[in-house]
């Protein structure tokens, strides 16, 4: 895929980081439940690679906060770190994992990114942003229990989108056959 096409896809994903949360925030606490900003960042990393995923993970929440006030300033630094890790690990996963099955590559990379991002986010909250306030119970509750619907949506929707884009020939096939 050309660098121009990757840049365009990244820009679309950054725009989705602004638009998707607006649609979900009509429901109270929908952001922390459905995780709408995670979807475009993970997609960007999986499709365009770790560098573009990193850019989307940093710029997407900054733009959203600037234009909509979501996420609020108090949450923004931790969220930028979390989303940046998602974009990087998703991209590195797709670069390094080669099972010869697109769906296996996608799921392994996606789950690895989701777990790593949550661990790094919890660690940064506990060590930097909310020292003394973050416990294992609050971390597990906020990053796994409350967000379970969003996790399920990501596991279903993201691989389906990537495979559909490949089949529509909008992105190159991972394993040309």
Protein backbone atom coordinates (compact mmCIF):
# COMPACT_ATOMS: atom_id res chain seq x y z
CA UNK A 1 0.00 0.00 0.00
CA UNK A 2 1.35 3.45 -0.84
CA UNK A 3 2.30 5.93 1.86
CA UNK A 4 -0.34 8.32 0.50
CA UNK A 5 -3.07 5.71 0.89
CA UNK A 6 -1.87 4.92 4.41
CA UNK A 7 -1.92 8.64 5.25
CA UNK A 8 -5.47 8.99 3.91
CA UNK A 9 -6.69 5.96 5.88
CA UNK A 10 -4.99 7.36 8.99
CA UNK A 11 -6.68 10.72 8.49
CA UNK A 12 -10.07 9.00 8.14
CA UNK A 13 -9.38 7.03 11.34
CA UNK A 14 -8.41 10.24 13.15
CA UNK A 15 -11.70 11.82 12.00
CA UNK A 16 -13.56 8.74 13.25
CA UNK A 17 -11.92 9.31 16.64
CA UNK A 18 -13.92 12.54 16.77
CA UNK A 19 -17.18 11.38 15.16
CA UNK A 20 -17.73 7.92 16.70
CA UNK A 21 -17.62 9.10 20.34
CA UNK A 22 -20.18 11.81 19.51
CA UNK A 23 -22.61 9.13 18.33
CA UNK A 24 -22.03 6.96 21.40
CA UNK A 25 -22.08 9.72 24.01
CA UNK A 26 -25.82 10.18 23.61
CA UNK A 27 -25.94 7.30 26.12
CA UNK A 28 -24.60 8.03 29.64
CA UNK A 29 -21.10 6.55 30.23
CA UNK A 30 -21.14 5.13 26.70
CA UNK A 31 -17.51 6.10 26.11
CA UNK A 32 -16.20 3.91 28.92
CA UNK A 33 -18.63 1.11 28.05
CA UNK A 34 -18.44 0.93 24.23
CA UNK A 35 -14.93 2.39 23.69
CA UNK A 36 -15.74 4.06 20.35
CA UNK A 37 -12.36 5.77 19.96
CA UNK A 38 -10.49 2.47 20.27
CA UNK A 39 -11.99 1.09 17.06
CA UNK A 40 -10.42 3.51 14.55
CA UNK A 41 -7.04 3.46 16.32
CA UNK A 42 -6.90 -0.34 16.31
CA UNK A 43 -8.05 -0.41 12.68
CA UNK A 44 -5.38 2.10 11.71
CA UNK A 45 -2.62 0.08 13.36
CA UNK A 46 -3.80 -3.19 11.81
CA UNK A 47 -4.19 -1.74 8.31
CA UNK A 48 -1.47 0.91 8.04
CA UNK A 49 1.19 -0.25 10.47
CA UNK A 50 2.60 0.72 13.82
CA UNK A 51 3.79 4.24 12.93
CA UNK A 52 0.44 5.28 11.55
CA UNK A 53 -1.32 3.55 14.45
CA UNK A 54 0.87 5.54 16.85
CA UNK A 55 0.00 8.81 15.10
CA UNK A 56 -3.71 8.00 15.14
CA UNK A 57 -3.55 6.98 18.82
CA UNK A 58 -2.00 10.34 19.72
CA UNK A 59 -3.71 12.75 17.34
CA UNK A 60 -7.20 11.17 17.39
CA UNK A 61 -7.96 11.76 21.09
CA UNK A 62 -6.25 15.19 20.99
CA UNK A 63 -8.52 16.28 18.11
CA UNK A 64 -11.57 14.84 19.82
CA UNK A 65 -10.76 16.65 23.05
CA UNK A 66 -10.10 19.88 21.18
CA UNK A 67 -13.30 19.80 19.10
CA UNK A 68 -15.75 18.13 21.49
CA UNK A 69 -14.25 18.26 24.99
CA UNK A 70 -14.19 14.45 25.04
CA UNK A 71 -12.12 13.02 26.55
CA UNK A 72 -11.84 15.69 29.24
CA UNK A 73 -8.41 17.17 29.96
CA UNK A 74 -7.99 15.17 33.17
CA UNK A 75 -8.40 11.86 31.28
CA UNK A 76 -6.66 12.87 28.05
CA UNK A 77 -2.98 12.09 28.88
CA UNK A 78 -3.70 8.54 30.06
CA UNK A 79 -6.02 7.94 27.12
CA UNK A 80 -3.43 9.18 24.61
CA UNK A 81 -0.89 6.75 26.05
CA UNK A 82 -3.39 3.86 25.99
CA UNK A 83 -4.51 4.52 22.42
CA UNK A 84 -0.95 5.07 21.20
CA UNK A 85 -0.01 1.66 22.61
CA UNK A 86 -3.03 0.09 20.86
CA UNK A 87 -1.97 1.53 17.52
CA UNK A 88 1.69 0.53 17.90
CA UNK A 89 1.08 -3.03 19.12
CA UNK A 90 -1.66 -3.71 16.55
CA UNK A 91 0.69 -2.59 13.79
CA UNK A 92 3.68 -4.51 15.13
CA UNK A 93 1.50 -7.59 15.54
CA UNK A 94 0.48 -7.49 11.90
CA UNK A 95 4.10 -6.93 10.89
CA UNK A 96 5.53 -9.81 12.93
CA UNK A 97 2.73 -12.40 13.14
CA UNK A 98 2.42 -14.62 10.07
CA UNK A 99 0.19 -17.66 10.60
CA UNK A 100 -0.83 -17.89 6.91
CA UNK A 101 -4.42 -17.15 8.00
CA UNK A 102 -5.63 -13.55 7.92
CA UNK A 103 -8.21 -14.04 10.66
CA UNK A 104 -5.66 -15.63 13.00
CA UNK A 105 -3.17 -12.82 12.37
CA UNK A 106 -5.88 -10.23 13.01
CA UNK A 107 -7.16 -11.79 16.22
CA UNK A 108 -3.70 -12.43 17.68
CA UNK A 109 -2.58 -8.86 16.87
CA UNK A 110 -5.85 -7.36 18.11
CA UNK A 111 -5.94 -9.25 21.41
CA UNK A 112 -2.25 -8.57 22.01
CA UNK A 113 -2.81 -4.84 21.41
CA UNK A 114 -5.93 -4.74 23.60
CA UNK A 115 -4.21 -6.48 26.51
CA UNK A 116 -0.95 -4.52 26.25
CA UNK A 117 -2.80 -1.21 26.00
CA UNK A 118 -4.87 -1.98 29.08
CA UNK A 119 -1.82 -3.04 31.11
CA UNK A 120 0.16 0.05 30.08
CA UNK A 121 -2.85 2.32 30.74
CA UNK A 122 -3.36 0.81 34.18
CA UNK A 123 0.33 1.14 34.99
CA UNK A 124 0.50 4.77 33.88
CA UNK A 125 -2.62 5.63 35.89
CA UNK A 126 -1.24 3.90 38.97
CA UNK A 127 2.30 5.28 38.69
CA UNK A 128 1.77 8.72 37.15
CA UNK A 129 -1.78 10.04 36.83
CA UNK A 130 -3.66 8.60 39.83
CA UNK A 131 -0.98 7.58 42.30
CA UNK A 132 -2.52 5.91 45.35
CA UNK A 133 -6.01 5.89 43.81
CA UNK A 134 -5.65 2.98 41.40
CA UNK A 135 -6.00 -0.56 42.74
CA UNK A 136 -6.10 -3.88 40.93
CA UNK A 137 -9.86 -3.94 41.53
CA UNK A 138 -10.45 -0.49 40.01
CA UNK A 139 -8.15 -1.32 37.10
CA UNK A 140 -9.89 -4.62 36.37
CA UNK A 141 -13.31 -3.05 36.75
CA UNK A 142 -12.67 -0.08 34.49
CA UNK A 143 -10.54 -1.80 31.84
CA UNK A 144 -12.29 -5.18 31.63
CA UNK A 145 -15.67 -5.32 33.40
CA UNK A 146 -17.23 -1.94 32.54
CA UNK A 147 -15.79 -2.03 29.04
CA UNK A 148 -16.79 -5.64 28.25
CA UNK A 149 -19.42 -4.57 25.67
CA UNK A 150 -16.77 -2.49 23.88
CA UNK A 151 -14.28 -5.36 23.99
CA UNK A 152 -16.85 -7.70 22.40
CA UNK A 153 -17.70 -5.10 19.74
CA UNK A 154 -14.00 -4.70 18.91
CA UNK A 155 -13.41 -8.45 18.67
CA UNK A 156 -16.35 -8.86 16.29
CA UNK A 157 -16.27 -5.66 14.27
CA UNK A 158 -12.57 -4.92 13.68
CA UNK A 159 -11.52 -8.22 12.04
CA UNK A 160 -14.74 -8.17 9.98
CA UNK A 161 -13.97 -4.65 8.72
CA UNK A 162 -10.37 -5.51 7.79
CA UNK A 163 -11.42 -8.70 5.97
CA UNK A 164 -14.23 -6.82 4.16
CA UNK A 165 -11.78 -4.12 3.06
CA UNK A 166 -9.44 -6.82 1.72
CA UNK A 167 -12.25 -8.58 -0.14
CA UNK A 168 -13.39 -5.27 -1.63
CA UNK A 169 -9.75 -4.69 -2.68
CA UNK A 170 -9.65 -1.37 -0.84
CA UNK A 171 -6.55 -2.60 0.99
CA UNK A 172 -4.05 -5.19 -0.26
CA UNK A 173 -4.65 -8.84 0.51
CA UNK A 174 -2.37 -10.07 3.28
CA UNK A 175 -1.85 -13.46 1.65
CA UNK A 176 -2.42 -13.13 -2.09
CA UNK A 177 -3.72 -16.41 -3.35
